[in-house]
Amino acid sequence: MNYLLAFVIGGLLCTVAQLVMDLSKLPPGHVMVLFVSLGAIASGLGLYAPLIKLAGAGATIPLPSFGHSLVQGIVEDMGHNGWSGLLTGGLRATSMGVSSAVLFGLLAAVFFNPKN
C-alpha cells in the first residue's frame, strides 16, 4: 500500500506541475520556483509533513519537498541559533542535496559531452 500511495501522490504532484507548464506557458524555471515556494508555504502551514508521512518518497522526491526542507532547516536553526538560523538553516538542511546535484551534473557534463 505504501508503494501505491507514493506512486499516486508523487504522480499527482508531477502531473499538476506538467499541467501548469502546459496550460500557463510559464517557462520551466518559473514552474520550479513556484513549486518550491508552494512546498515552503505548505510546510510553514504544517501541511507538508503529514503528506510526507502519508506518501513517503512520493512526497519527498518532487520539488515541493525542497521548499519543505528549507523551511524545516530554518525553523530548527532559529530554535538553536536565533535569527542567524534564518540564513543558515536552509543552507544546512539542503546542502547535501545541492552538493550532490552539482557534482553529478559536472560528472554528466564531463562523461557525456558529445564533443569528447
PDB file of N, CA and C in Angstrom:
ATOM      1  N   MET A   1       0.819  -1.194   0.000  1.00  0.00           N
ATOM      2  CA  MET A   1       0.000   0.000   0.000  1.00  0.00           C
ATOM      3  C   MET A   1       0.862   1.257   0.000  1.00  0.00           C
ATOM      4  N   ASN A   2       2.026   1.182   0.702  1.00  0.00           N
ATOM      5  CA  ASN A   2       2.916   2.336   0.739  1.00  0.00           C
ATOM      6  C   ASN A   2       3.408   2.711  -0.656  1.00  0.00           C
ATOM      7  N   TYR A   3       3.729   1.693  -1.442  1.00  0.00           N
ATOM      8  CA  TYR A   3       4.215   1.959  -2.793  1.00  0.00           C
ATOM      9  C   TYR A   3       3.137   2.607  -3.650  1.00  0.00           C
ATOM     10  N   LEU A   4       1.923   2.151  -3.486  1.00  0.00           N
ATOM     11  CA  LEU A   4       0.818   2.701  -4.257  1.00  0.00           C
ATOM     12  C   LEU A   4       0.569   4.163  -3.894  1.00  0.00           C
ATOM     13  N   LEU A   5       0.559   4.476  -2.602  1.00  0.00           N
ATOM     14  CA  LEU A   5       0.371   5.869  -2.177  1.00  0.00           C
ATOM     15  C   LEU A   5       1.512   6.753  -2.667  1.00  0.00           C
ATOM     16  N   ALA A   6       2.733   6.267  -2.578  1.00  0.00           N
ATOM     17  CA  ALA A   6       3.875   7.042  -3.062  1.00  0.00           C
ATOM     18  C   ALA A   6       3.745   7.309  -4.558  1.00  0.00           C
ATOM     19  N   PHE A   7       3.370   6.290  -5.304  1.00  0.00           N
ATOM     20  CA  PHE A   7       3.219   6.435  -6.741  1.00  0.00           C
ATOM     21  C   PHE A   7       2.103   7.414  -7.095  1.00  0.00           C
ATOM     22  N   VAL A   8       0.964   7.284  -6.449  1.00  0.00           N
ATOM     23  CA  VAL A   8      -0.187   8.135  -6.774  1.00  0.00           C
ATOM     24  C   VAL A   8       0.068   9.590  -6.385  1.00  0.00           C
ATOM     25  N   ILE A   9       0.539   9.821  -5.178  1.00  0.00           N
ATOM     26  CA  ILE A   9       0.739  11.202  -4.726  1.00  0.00           C
ATOM     27  C   ILE A   9       1.903  11.849  -5.457  1.00  0.00           C
ATOM     28  N   GLY A  10       2.993  11.131  -5.627  1.00  0.00           N
ATOM     29  CA  GLY A  10       4.109  11.674  -6.410  1.00  0.00           C
ATOM     30  C   GLY A  10       3.700  11.952  -7.848  1.00  0.00           C
ATOM     31  N   GLY A  11       2.928  11.043  -8.423  1.00  0.00           N
ATOM     32  CA  GLY A  11       2.433  11.238  -9.786  1.00  0.00           C
ATOM     33  C   GLY A  11       1.502  12.433  -9.896  1.00  0.00           C
ATOM     34  N   LEU A  12       0.653  12.622  -8.885  1.00  0.00           N
ATOM     35  CA  LEU A  12      -0.243  13.777  -8.893  1.00  0.00           C
ATOM     36  C   LEU A  12       0.528  15.091  -8.805  1.00  0.00           C
ATOM     37  N   LEU A  13       1.550  15.140  -7.947  1.00  0.00           N
ATOM     38  CA  LEU A  13       2.358  16.357  -7.850  1.00  0.00           C
ATOM     39  C   LEU A  13       3.030  16.672  -9.186  1.00  0.00           C
ATOM     40  N   CYS A  14       3.582  15.659  -9.818  1.00  0.00           N
ATOM     41  CA  CYS A  14       4.256  15.864 -11.100  1.00  0.00           C
ATOM     42  C   CYS A  14       3.261  16.206 -12.207  1.00  0.00           C
ATOM     43  N   THR A  15       2.066  15.603 -12.163  1.00  0.00           N
ATOM     44  CA  THR A  15       1.037  15.900 -13.154  1.00  0.00           C
ATOM     45  C   THR A  15       0.573  17.345 -13.039  1.00  0.00           C
ATOM     46  N   VAL A  16       0.393  17.813 -11.804  1.00  0.00           N
ATOM     47  CA  VAL A  16      -0.017  19.209 -11.609  1.00  0.00           C
ATOM     48  C   VAL A  16       1.056  20.147 -12.144  1.00  0.00           C
ATOM     49  N   ALA A  17       2.322  19.845 -11.882  1.00  0.00           N
ATOM     50  CA  ALA A  17       3.408  20.685 -12.400  1.00  0.00           C
ATOM     51  C   ALA A  17       3.403  20.702 -13.931  1.00  0.00           C
ATOM     52  N   GLN A  18       3.193  19.545 -14.542  1.00  0.00           N
ATOM     53  CA  GLN A  18       3.156  19.482 -16.007  1.00  0.00           C
ATOM     54  C   GLN A  18       1.972  20.253 -16.559  1.00  0.00           C
ATOM     55  N   LEU A  19       0.826  20.152 -15.901  1.00  0.00           N
ATOM     56  CA  LEU A  19      -0.351  20.910 -16.340  1.00  0.00           C
ATOM     57  C   LEU A  19      -0.122  22.409 -16.227  1.00  0.00           C
ATOM     58  N   VAL A  20       0.524  22.829 -15.155  1.00  0.00           N
ATOM     59  CA  VAL A  20       0.838  24.258 -15.006  1.00  0.00           C
ATOM     60  C   VAL A  20       1.737  24.717 -16.143  1.00  0.00           C
ATOM     61  N   MET A  21       2.729  23.907 -16.488  1.00  0.00           N
ATOM     62  CA  MET A  21       3.628  24.289 -17.592  1.00  0.00           C
ATOM     63  C   MET A  21       2.883  24.330 -18.915  1.00  0.00           C
ATOM     64  N   ASP A  22       2.031  23.347 -19.168  1.00  0.00           N
ATOM     65  CA  ASP A  22       1.343  23.266 -20.451  1.00  0.00           C
ATOM     66  C   ASP A  22       0.258  24.323 -20.604  1.00  0.00           C
ATOM     67  N   LEU A  23      -0.488  24.574 -19.540  1.00  0.00           N
ATOM     68  CA  LEU A  23      -1.635  25.468 -19.642  1.00  0.00           C
ATOM     69  C   LEU A  23      -1.287  26.938 -19.443  1.00  0.00           C
ATOM     70  N   SER A  24      -0.216  27.215 -18.708  1.00  0.00           N
ATOM     71  CA  SER A  24       0.123  28.616 -18.432  1.00  0.00           C
ATOM     72  C   SER A  24       1.228  29.144 -19.336  1.00  0.00           C
ATOM     73  N   LYS A  25       1.926  28.266 -20.001  1.00  0.00           N
ATOM     74  CA  LYS A  25       3.062  28.625 -20.861  1.00  0.00           C
ATOM     75  C   LYS A  25       4.188  29.293 -20.072  1.00  0.00           C
ATOM     76  N   LEU A  26       4.227  29.031 -18.753  1.00  0.00           N
ATOM     77  CA  LEU A  26       5.345  29.515 -17.949  1.00  0.00           C
ATOM     78  C   LEU A  26       6.592  28.716 -18.301  1.00  0.00           C
ATOM     79  N   PRO A  27       7.743  29.347 -18.278  1.00  0.00           N
ATOM     80  CA  PRO A  27       8.979  28.594 -18.515  1.00  0.00           C
ATOM     81  C   PRO A  27       9.213  27.596 -17.372  1.00  0.00           C
ATOM     82  N   PRO A  28       9.929  26.517 -17.650  1.00  0.00           N
ATOM     83  CA  PRO A  28      10.163  25.501 -16.619  1.00  0.00           C
ATOM     84  C   PRO A  28      10.797  26.059 -15.345  1.00  0.00           C
ATOM     85  N   GLY A  29      11.692  27.003 -15.470  1.00  0.00           N
ATOM     86  CA  GLY A  29      12.330  27.583 -14.283  1.00  0.00           C
ATOM     87  C   GLY A  29      11.331  28.268 -13.368  1.00  0.00           C
ATOM     88  N   HIS A  30      10.363  28.950 -13.948  1.00  0.00           N
ATOM     89  CA  HIS A  30       9.331  29.614 -13.140  1.00  0.00           C
ATOM     90  C   HIS A  30       8.444  28.586 -12.440  1.00  0.00           C
ATOM     91  N   VAL A  31       8.136  27.506 -13.116  1.00  0.00           N
ATOM     92  CA  VAL A  31       7.314  26.466 -12.510  1.00  0.00           C
ATOM     93  C   VAL A  31       8.086  25.801 -11.367  1.00  0.00           C
ATOM     94  N   MET A  32       9.383  25.590 -11.546  1.00  0.00           N
ATOM     95  CA  MET A  32      10.201  25.014 -10.485  1.00  0.00           C
ATOM     96  C   MET A  32      10.182  25.905  -9.247  1.00  0.00           C
ATOM     97  N   VAL A  33      10.388  27.191  -9.438  1.00  0.00           N
ATOM     98  CA  VAL A  33      10.373  28.127  -8.311  1.00  0.00           C
ATOM     99  C   VAL A  33       8.989  28.163  -7.668  1.00  0.00           C
ATOM    100  N   LEU A  34       7.943  28.123  -8.478  1.00  0.00           N
ATOM    101  CA  LEU A  34       6.582  28.113  -7.955  1.00  0.00           C
ATOM    102  C   LEU A  34       6.359  26.900  -7.051  1.00  0.00           C
ATOM    103  N   PHE A  35       6.774  25.723  -7.479  1.00  0.00           N
ATOM    104  CA  PHE A  35       6.534  24.519  -6.698  1.00  0.00           C
ATOM    105  C   PHE A  35       7.414  24.447  -5.455  1.00  0.00           C
ATOM    106  N   VAL A  36       8.630  24.946  -5.524  1.00  0.00           N
ATOM    107  CA  VAL A  36       9.457  25.019  -4.311  1.00  0.00           C
ATOM    108  C   VAL A  36       8.816  25.982  -3.323  1.00  0.00           C
ATOM    109  N   SER A  37       8.322  27.116  -3.821  1.00  0.00           N
ATOM    110  CA  SER A  37       7.671  28.095  -2.948  1.00  0.00           C
ATOM    111  C   SER A  37       6.391  27.535  -2.346  1.00  0.00           C
ATOM    112  N   LEU A  38       5.598  26.819  -3.139  1.00  0.00           N
ATOM    113  CA  LEU A  38       4.379  26.205  -2.611  1.00  0.00           C
ATOM    114  C   LEU A  38       4.705  25.161  -1.544  1.00  0.00           C
ATOM    115  N   GLY A  39       5.787  24.419  -1.738  1.00  0.00           N
ATOM    116  CA  GLY A  39       6.212  23.456  -0.720  1.00  0.00           C
ATOM    117  C   GLY A  39       6.634  24.143   0.566  1.00  0.00           C
ATOM    118  N   ALA A  40       7.312  25.290   0.430  1.00  0.00           N
ATOM    119  CA  ALA A  40       7.722  26.044   1.611  1.00  0.00           C
ATOM    120  C   ALA A  40       6.505  26.594   2.353  1.00  0.00           C
ATOM    121  N   ILE A  41       5.536  27.095   1.617  1.00  0.00           N
ATOM    122  CA  ILE A  41       4.320  27.620   2.241  1.00  0.00           C
ATOM    123  C   ILE A  41       3.547  26.498   2.926  1.00  0.00           C
ATOM    124  N   ALA A  42       3.401  25.372   2.247  1.00  0.00           N
ATOM    125  CA  ALA A  42       2.693  24.235   2.840  1.00  0.00           C
ATOM    126  C   ALA A  42       3.412  23.743   4.097  1.00  0.00           C
ATOM    127  N   SER A  43       4.734  23.762   4.079  1.00  0.00           N
ATOM    128  CA  SER A  43       5.498  23.358   5.252  1.00  0.00           C
ATOM    129  C   SER A  43       5.292  24.336   6.394  1.00  0.00           C
ATOM    130  N   GLY A  44       5.322  25.615   6.088  1.00  0.00           N
ATOM    131  CA  GLY A  44       5.108  26.624   7.121  1.00  0.00           C
ATOM    132  C   GLY A  44       3.726  26.534   7.745  1.00  0.00           C
ATOM    133  N   LEU A  45       2.748  26.106   6.975  1.00  0.00           N
ATOM    134  CA  LEU A  45       1.384  25.947   7.479  1.00  0.00           C
ATOM    135  C   LEU A  45       1.161  24.588   8.152  1.00  0.00           C
ATOM    136  N   GLY A  46       2.189  23.740   8.140  1.00  0.00           N
ATOM    137  CA  GLY A  46       2.082  22.429   8.768  1.00  0.00           C
ATOM    138  C   GLY A  46       1.365  21.391   7.926  1.00  0.00           C
ATOM    139  N   LEU A  47       1.280  21.623   6.612  1.00  0.00           N
ATOM    140  CA  LEU A  47       0.554  20.709   5.737  1.00  0.00           C
ATOM    141  C   LEU A  47       1.442  19.697   5.020  1.00  0.00           C
ATOM    142  N   TYR A  48       2.728  20.006   4.864  1.00  0.00           N
ATOM    143  CA  TYR A  48       3.574  19.128   4.059  1.00  0.00           C
ATOM    144  C   TYR A  48       4.104  17.921   4.836  1.00  0.00           C
ATOM    145  N   ALA A  49       4.379  18.082   6.127  1.00  0.00           N
ATOM    146  CA  ALA A  49       4.875  16.948   6.921  1.00  0.00           C
ATOM    147  C   ALA A  49       3.867  15.798   6.962  1.00  0.00           C
ATOM    148  N   PRO A  50       2.557  16.056   7.144  1.00  0.00           N
ATOM    149  CA  PRO A  50       1.610  14.930   7.085  1.00  0.00           C
ATOM    150  C   PRO A  50       1.550  14.266   5.704  1.00  0.00           C
ATOM    151  N   LEU A  51       1.761  15.058   4.649  1.00  0.00           N
ATOM    152  CA  LEU A  51       1.790  14.486   3.305  1.00  0.00           C
ATOM    153  C   LEU A  51       2.982  13.545   3.155  1.00  0.00           C
ATOM    154  N   ILE A  52       4.123  13.926   3.702  1.00  0.00           N
ATOM    155  CA  ILE A  52       5.302  13.058   3.661  1.00  0.00           C
ATOM    156  C   ILE A  52       5.060  11.792   4.472  1.00  0.00           C
ATOM    157  N   LYS A  53       4.406  11.938   5.616  1.00  0.00           N
ATOM    158  CA  LYS A  53       4.103  10.762   6.441  1.00  0.00           C
ATOM    159  C   LYS A  53       3.178   9.803   5.692  1.00  0.00           C
ATOM    160  N   LEU A  54       2.254  10.349   4.928  1.00  0.00           N
ATOM    161  CA  LEU A  54       1.311   9.530   4.174  1.00  0.00           C
ATOM    162  C   LEU A  54       1.951   8.904   2.942  1.00  0.00           C
ATOM    163  N   ALA A  55       2.683   9.699   2.164  1.00  0.00           N
ATOM    164  CA  ALA A  55       3.159   9.249   0.853  1.00  0.00           C
ATOM    165  C   ALA A  55       4.622   8.836   0.816  1.00  0.00           C
ATOM    166  N   GLY A  56       5.387   9.110   1.830  1.00  0.00           N
ATOM    167  CA  GLY A  56       6.800   8.744   1.833  1.00  0.00           C
ATOM    168  C   GLY A  56       7.559   9.380   0.683  1.00  0.00           C
ATOM    169  N   ALA A  57       8.223   8.549  -0.114  1.00  0.00           N
ATOM    170  CA  ALA A  57       9.045   9.047  -1.214  1.00  0.00           C
ATOM    171  C   ALA A  57       8.224   9.768  -2.278  1.00  0.00           C
ATOM    172  N   GLY A  58       6.940   9.484  -2.364  1.00  0.00           N
ATOM    173  CA  GLY A  58       6.090  10.172  -3.321  1.00  0.00           C
ATOM    174  C   GLY A  58       5.972  11.658  -3.027  1.00  0.00           C
ATOM    175  N   ALA A  59       6.224  12.040  -1.769  1.00  0.00           N
ATOM    176  CA  ALA A  59       6.184  13.450  -1.395  1.00  0.00           C
ATOM    177  C   ALA A  59       7.576  14.020  -1.144  1.00  0.00           C
ATOM    178  N   THR A  60       8.573  13.170  -0.911  1.00  0.00           N
ATOM    179  CA  THR A  60       9.912  13.696  -0.633  1.00  0.00           C
ATOM    180  C   THR A  60      10.754  13.887  -1.883  1.00  0.00           C
ATOM    181  N   ILE A  61      10.401  13.252  -2.985  1.00  0.00           N
ATOM    182  CA  ILE A  61      11.189  13.375  -4.205  1.00  0.00           C
ATOM    183  C   ILE A  61      10.835  14.630  -5.016  1.00  0.00           C
ATOM    184  N   PRO A  62       9.561  14.974  -5.227  1.00  0.00           N
ATOM    185  CA  PRO A  62       9.226  16.130  -6.069  1.00  0.00           C
ATOM    186  C   PRO A  62       9.694  17.465  -5.485  1.00  0.00           C
ATOM    187  N   LEU A  63       9.652  18.497  -6.302  1.00  0.00           N
ATOM    188  CA  LEU A  63      10.169  19.812  -5.948  1.00  0.00           C
ATOM    189  C   LEU A  63       9.594  20.446  -4.685  1.00  0.00           C
ATOM    190  N   PRO A  64       8.315  20.312  -4.366  1.00  0.00           N
ATOM    191  CA  PRO A  64       7.832  20.955  -3.137  1.00  0.00           C
ATOM    192  C   PRO A  64       8.582  20.493  -1.887  1.00  0.00           C
ATOM    193  N   SER A  65       9.147  19.311  -1.920  1.00  0.00           N
ATOM    194  CA  SER A  65       9.901  18.816  -0.777  1.00  0.00           C
ATOM    195  C   SER A  65      11.149  19.647  -0.518  1.00  0.00           C
ATOM    196  N   PHE A  66      11.729  20.230  -1.557  1.00  0.00           N
ATOM    197  CA  PHE A  66      12.900  21.093  -1.370  1.00  0.00           C
ATOM    198  C   PHE A  66      12.505  22.327  -0.564  1.00  0.00           C
ATOM    199  N   GLY A  67      11.354  22.909  -0.881  1.00  0.00           N
ATOM    200  CA  GLY A  67      10.852  24.036  -0.101  1.00  0.00           C
ATOM    201  C   GLY A  67      10.578  23.637   1.333  1.00  0.00           C
ATOM    202  N   HIS A  68      10.012  22.453   1.518  1.00  0.00           N
ATOM    203  CA  HIS A  68       9.756  21.930   2.862  1.00  0.00           C
ATOM    204  C   HIS A  68      11.068  21.797   3.635  1.00  0.00           C
ATOM    205  N   SER A  69      12.096  21.261   3.000  1.00  0.00           N
ATOM    206  CA  SER A  69      13.395  21.087   3.662  1.00  0.00           C
ATOM    207  C   SER A  69      13.996  22.429   4.056  1.00  0.00           C
ATOM    208  N   LEU A  70      13.865  23.414   3.183  1.00  0.00           N
ATOM    209  CA  LEU A  70      14.381  24.748   3.509  1.00  0.00           C
ATOM    210  C   LEU A  70      13.704  25.299   4.754  1.00  0.00           C
ATOM    211  N   VAL A  71      12.387  25.238   4.795  1.00  0.00           N
ATOM    212  CA  VAL A  71      11.643  25.780   5.931  1.00  0.00           C
ATOM    213  C   VAL A  71      11.961  25.012   7.206  1.00  0.00           C
ATOM    214  N   GLN A  72      12.013  23.689   7.140  1.00  0.00           N
ATOM    215  CA  GLN A  72      12.309  22.910   8.340  1.00  0.00           C
ATOM    216  C   GLN A  72      13.702  23.213   8.875  1.00  0.00           C
ATOM    217  N   GLY A  73      14.673  23.399   7.988  1.00  0.00           N
ATOM    218  CA  GLY A  73      16.020  23.767   8.419  1.00  0.00           C
ATOM    219  C   GLY A  73      16.053  25.127   9.079  1.00  0.00           C
ATOM    220  N   ILE A  74      15.315  26.067   8.521  1.00  0.00           N
ATOM    221  CA  ILE A  74      15.260  27.412   9.096  1.00  0.00           C
ATOM    222  C   ILE A  74      14.615  27.371  10.477  1.00  0.00           C
ATOM    223  N   VAL A  75      13.491  26.669  10.598  1.00  0.00           N
ATOM    224  CA  VAL A  75      12.795  26.580  11.888  1.00  0.00           C
ATOM    225  C   VAL A  75      13.704  25.941  12.937  1.00  0.00           C
ATOM    226  N   GLU A  76      14.376  24.866  12.563  1.00  0.00           N
ATOM    227  CA  GLU A  76      15.256  24.180  13.509  1.00  0.00           C
ATOM    228  C   GLU A  76      16.423  25.062  13.933  1.00  0.00           C
ATOM    229  N   ASP A  77      17.087  25.700  12.975  1.00  0.00           N
ATOM    230  CA  ASP A  77      18.246  26.534  13.304  1.00  0.00           C
ATOM    231  C   ASP A  77      17.857  27.796  14.060  1.00  0.00           C
ATOM    232  N   MET A  78      16.682  28.342  13.778  1.00  0.00           N
ATOM    233  CA  MET A  78      16.262  29.520  14.545  1.00  0.00           C
ATOM    234  C   MET A  78      16.000  29.152  15.997  1.00  0.00           C
ATOM    235  N   GLY A  79      15.578  27.926  16.249  1.00  0.00           N
ATOM    236  CA  GLY A  79      15.390  27.474  17.624  1.00  0.00           C
ATOM    237  C   GLY A  79      16.695  27.366  18.387  1.00  0.00           C
ATOM    238  N   HIS A  80      17.779  27.044  17.682  1.00  0.00           N
ATOM    239  CA  HIS A  80      19.084  26.877  18.328  1.00  0.00           C
ATOM    240  C   HIS A  80      19.936  28.136  18.268  1.00  0.00           C
ATOM    241  N   ASN A  81      19.912  28.835  17.144  1.00  0.00           N
ATOM    242  CA  ASN A  81      20.848  29.941  16.918  1.00  0.00           C
ATOM    243  C   ASN A  81      20.187  31.309  16.851  1.00  0.00           C
ATOM    244  N   GLY A  82      18.906  31.392  17.053  1.00  0.00           N
ATOM    245  CA  GLY A  82      18.228  32.688  16.954  1.00  0.00           C
ATOM    246  C   GLY A  82      18.093  33.115  15.503  1.00  0.00           C
ATOM    247  N   TRP A  83      18.161  34.409  15.298  1.00  0.00           N
ATOM    248  CA  TRP A  83      17.922  34.969  13.963  1.00  0.00           C
ATOM    249  C   TRP A  83      18.956  34.557  12.929  1.00  0.00           C
ATOM    250  N   SER A  84      20.150  34.183  13.347  1.00  0.00           N
ATOM    251  CA  SER A  84      21.138  33.744  12.353  1.00  0.00           C
ATOM    252  C   SER A  84      20.699  32.445  11.679  1.00  0.00           C
ATOM    253  N   GLY A  85      19.838  31.687  12.354  1.00  0.00           N
ATOM    254  CA  GLY A  85      19.305  30.460  11.768  1.00  0.00           C
ATOM    255  C   GLY A  85      18.466  30.718  10.530  1.00  0.00           C
ATOM    256  N   LEU A  86      17.945  31.948  10.411  1.00  0.00           N
ATOM    257  CA  LEU A  86      17.185  32.324   9.217  1.00  0.00           C
ATOM    258  C   LEU A  86      18.059  32.241   7.972  1.00  0.00           C
ATOM    259  N   LEU A  87      19.333  32.531   8.127  1.00  0.00           N
ATOM    260  CA  LEU A  87      20.255  32.484   6.992  1.00  0.00           C
ATOM    261  C   LEU A  87      20.937  31.132   6.842  1.00  0.00           C
ATOM    262  N   THR A  88      21.206  30.469   7.954  1.00  0.00           N
ATOM    263  CA  THR A  88      21.993  29.239   7.884  1.00  0.00           C
ATOM    264  C   THR A  88      21.150  27.969   7.809  1.00  0.00           C
ATOM    265  N   GLY A  89      19.920  28.004   8.303  1.00  0.00           N
ATOM    266  CA  GLY A  89      19.115  26.792   8.416  1.00  0.00           C
ATOM    267  C   GLY A  89      18.811  26.128   7.093  1.00  0.00           C
ATOM    268  N   GLY A  90      18.345  26.903   6.126  1.00  0.00           N
ATOM    269  CA  GLY A  90      18.019  26.336   4.825  1.00  0.00           C
ATOM    270  C   GLY A  90      19.234  25.781   4.116  1.00  0.00           C
ATOM    271  N   LEU A  91      20.353  26.480   4.262  1.00  0.00           N
ATOM    272  CA  LEU A  91      21.585  26.003   3.626  1.00  0.00           C
ATOM    273  C   LEU A  91      22.067  24.702   4.256  1.00  0.00           C
ATOM    274  N   ARG A  92      21.998  24.634   5.578  1.00  0.00           N
ATOM    275  CA  ARG A  92      22.433  23.422   6.265  1.00  0.00           C
ATOM    276  C   ARG A  92      21.546  22.232   5.901  1.00  0.00           C
ATOM    277  N   ALA A  93      20.254  22.466   5.858  1.00  0.00           N
ATOM    278  CA  ALA A  93      19.313  21.368   5.630  1.00  0.00           C
ATOM    279  C   ALA A  93      19.377  20.817   4.210  1.00  0.00           C
ATOM    280  N   THR A  94      19.758  21.634   3.267  1.00  0.00           N
ATOM    281  CA  THR A  94      19.733  21.191   1.862  1.00  0.00           C
ATOM    282  C   THR A  94      21.117  21.075   1.233  1.00  0.00           C
ATOM    283  N   SER A  95      22.156  21.263   2.009  1.00  0.00           N
ATOM    284  CA  SER A  95      23.497  21.296   1.426  1.00  0.00           C
ATOM    285  C   SER A  95      23.899  19.979   0.765  1.00  0.00           C
ATOM    286  N   MET A  96      23.519  18.863   1.336  1.00  0.00           N
ATOM    287  CA  MET A  96      23.893  17.567   0.744  1.00  0.00           C
ATOM    288  C   MET A  96      23.222  17.374  -0.613  1.00  0.00           C
ATOM    289  N   GLY A  97      21.951  17.696  -0.709  1.00  0.00           N
ATOM    290  CA  GLY A  97      21.245  17.547  -1.979  1.00  0.00           C
ATOM    291  C   GLY A  97      21.774  18.473  -3.054  1.00  0.00           C
ATOM    292  N   VAL A  98      22.044  19.718  -2.685  1.00  0.00           N
ATOM    293  CA  VAL A  98      22.560  20.682  -3.658  1.00  0.00           C
ATOM    294  C   VAL A  98      23.966  20.281  -4.091  1.00  0.00           C
ATOM    295  N   SER A  99      24.800  19.873  -3.145  1.00  0.00           N
ATOM    296  CA  SER A  99      26.165  19.440  -3.487  1.00  0.00           C
ATOM    297  C   SER A  99      26.145  18.225  -4.407  1.00  0.00           C
ATOM    298  N   SER A 100      25.266  17.282  -4.126  1.00  0.00           N
ATOM    299  CA  SER A 100      25.162  16.090  -4.979  1.00  0.00           C
ATOM    300  C   SER A 100      24.702  16.458  -6.387  1.00  0.00           C
ATOM    301  N   ALA A 101      23.735  17.363  -6.492  1.00  0.00           N
ATOM    302  CA  ALA A 101      23.247  17.776  -7.808  1.00  0.00           C
ATOM    303  C   ALA A 101      24.356  18.441  -8.615  1.00  0.00           C
ATOM    304  N   VAL A 102      25.139  19.286  -7.975  1.00  0.00           N
ATOM    305  CA  VAL A 102      26.247  19.958  -8.670  1.00  0.00           C
ATOM    306  C   VAL A 102      27.296  18.931  -9.104  1.00  0.00           C
ATOM    307  N   LEU A 103      27.662  18.033  -8.199  1.00  0.00           N
ATOM    308  CA  LEU A 103      28.676  17.029  -8.511  1.00  0.00           C
ATOM    309  C   LEU A 103      28.236  16.118  -9.650  1.00  0.00           C
ATOM    310  N   PHE A 104      27.023  15.585  -9.570  1.00  0.00           N
ATOM    311  CA  PHE A 104      26.559  14.673 -10.618  1.00  0.00           C
ATOM    312  C   PHE A 104      26.313  15.409 -11.933  1.00  0.00           C
ATOM    313  N   GLY A 105      25.920  16.667 -11.865  1.00  0.00           N
ATOM    314  CA  GLY A 105      25.792  17.468 -13.084  1.00  0.00           C
ATOM    315  C   GLY A 105      27.138  17.652 -13.759  1.00  0.00           C
ATOM    316  N   LEU A 106      28.161  17.916 -12.963  1.00  0.00           N
ATOM    317  CA  LEU A 106      29.512  18.067 -13.503  1.00  0.00           C
ATOM    318  C   LEU A 106      29.996  16.757 -14.118  1.00  0.00           C
ATOM    319  N   LEU A 107      29.792  15.656 -13.404  1.00  0.00           N
ATOM    320  CA  LEU A 107      30.216  14.356 -13.939  1.00  0.00           C
ATOM    321  C   LEU A 107      29.484  14.015 -15.234  1.00  0.00           C
ATOM    322  N   ALA A 108      28.201  14.303 -15.293  1.00  0.00           N
ATOM    323  CA  ALA A 108      27.446  14.035 -16.516  1.00  0.00           C
ATOM    324  C   ALA A 108      27.967  14.893 -17.665  1.00  0.00           C
ATOM    325  N   ALA A 109      28.307  16.140 -17.371  1.00  0.00           N
ATOM    326  CA  ALA A 109      28.828  17.020 -18.422  1.00  0.00           C
ATOM    327  C   ALA A 109      30.188  16.542 -18.926  1.00  0.00           C
ATOM    328  N   VAL A 110      31.006  16.041 -18.027  1.00  0.00           N
ATOM    329  CA  VAL A 110      32.347  15.578 -18.424  1.00  0.00           C
ATOM    330  C   VAL A 110      32.270  14.266 -19.210  1.00  0.00           C
ATOM    331  N   PHE A 111      31.486  13.308 -18.723  1.00  0.00           N
ATOM    332  CA  PHE A 111      31.487  11.972 -19.324  1.00  0.00           C
ATOM    333  C   PHE A 111      30.517  11.832 -20.497  1.00  0.00           C
ATOM    334  N   PHE A 112      29.520  12.651 -20.572  1.00  0.00           N
ATOM    335  CA  PHE A 112      28.528  12.503 -21.629  1.00  0.00           C
ATOM    336  C   PHE A 112      28.496  13.672 -22.594  1.00  0.00           C
ATOM    337  N   ASN A 113      29.573  14.416 -22.643  1.00  0.00           N
ATOM    338  CA  ASN A 113      29.679  15.551 -23.557  1.00  0.00           C
ATOM    339  C   ASN A 113      29.862  15.016 -24.972  1.00  0.00           C
ATOM    340  N   PRO A 114      28.985  15.362 -25.902  1.00  0.00           N
ATOM    341  CA  PRO A 114      29.111  14.824 -27.263  1.00  0.00           C
ATOM    342  C   PRO A 114      30.351  15.331 -28.000  1.00  0.00           C
ATOM    343  N   LYS A 115      31.000  16.372 -27.496  1.00  0.00           N
ATOM    344  CA  LYS A 115      32.176  16.917 -28.170  1.00  0.00           C
ATOM    345  C   LYS A 115      33.429  16.148 -27.816  1.00  0.00           C
ATOM    346  N   ASN A 116      33.355  15.242 -26.817  1.00  0.00           N
ATOM    347  CA  ASN A 116      34.545  14.466 -26.423  1.00  0.00           C
ATOM    348  C   ASN A 116      34.751  13.286 -27.324  1.00  0.00           C
TER     349      ASN A 116
END
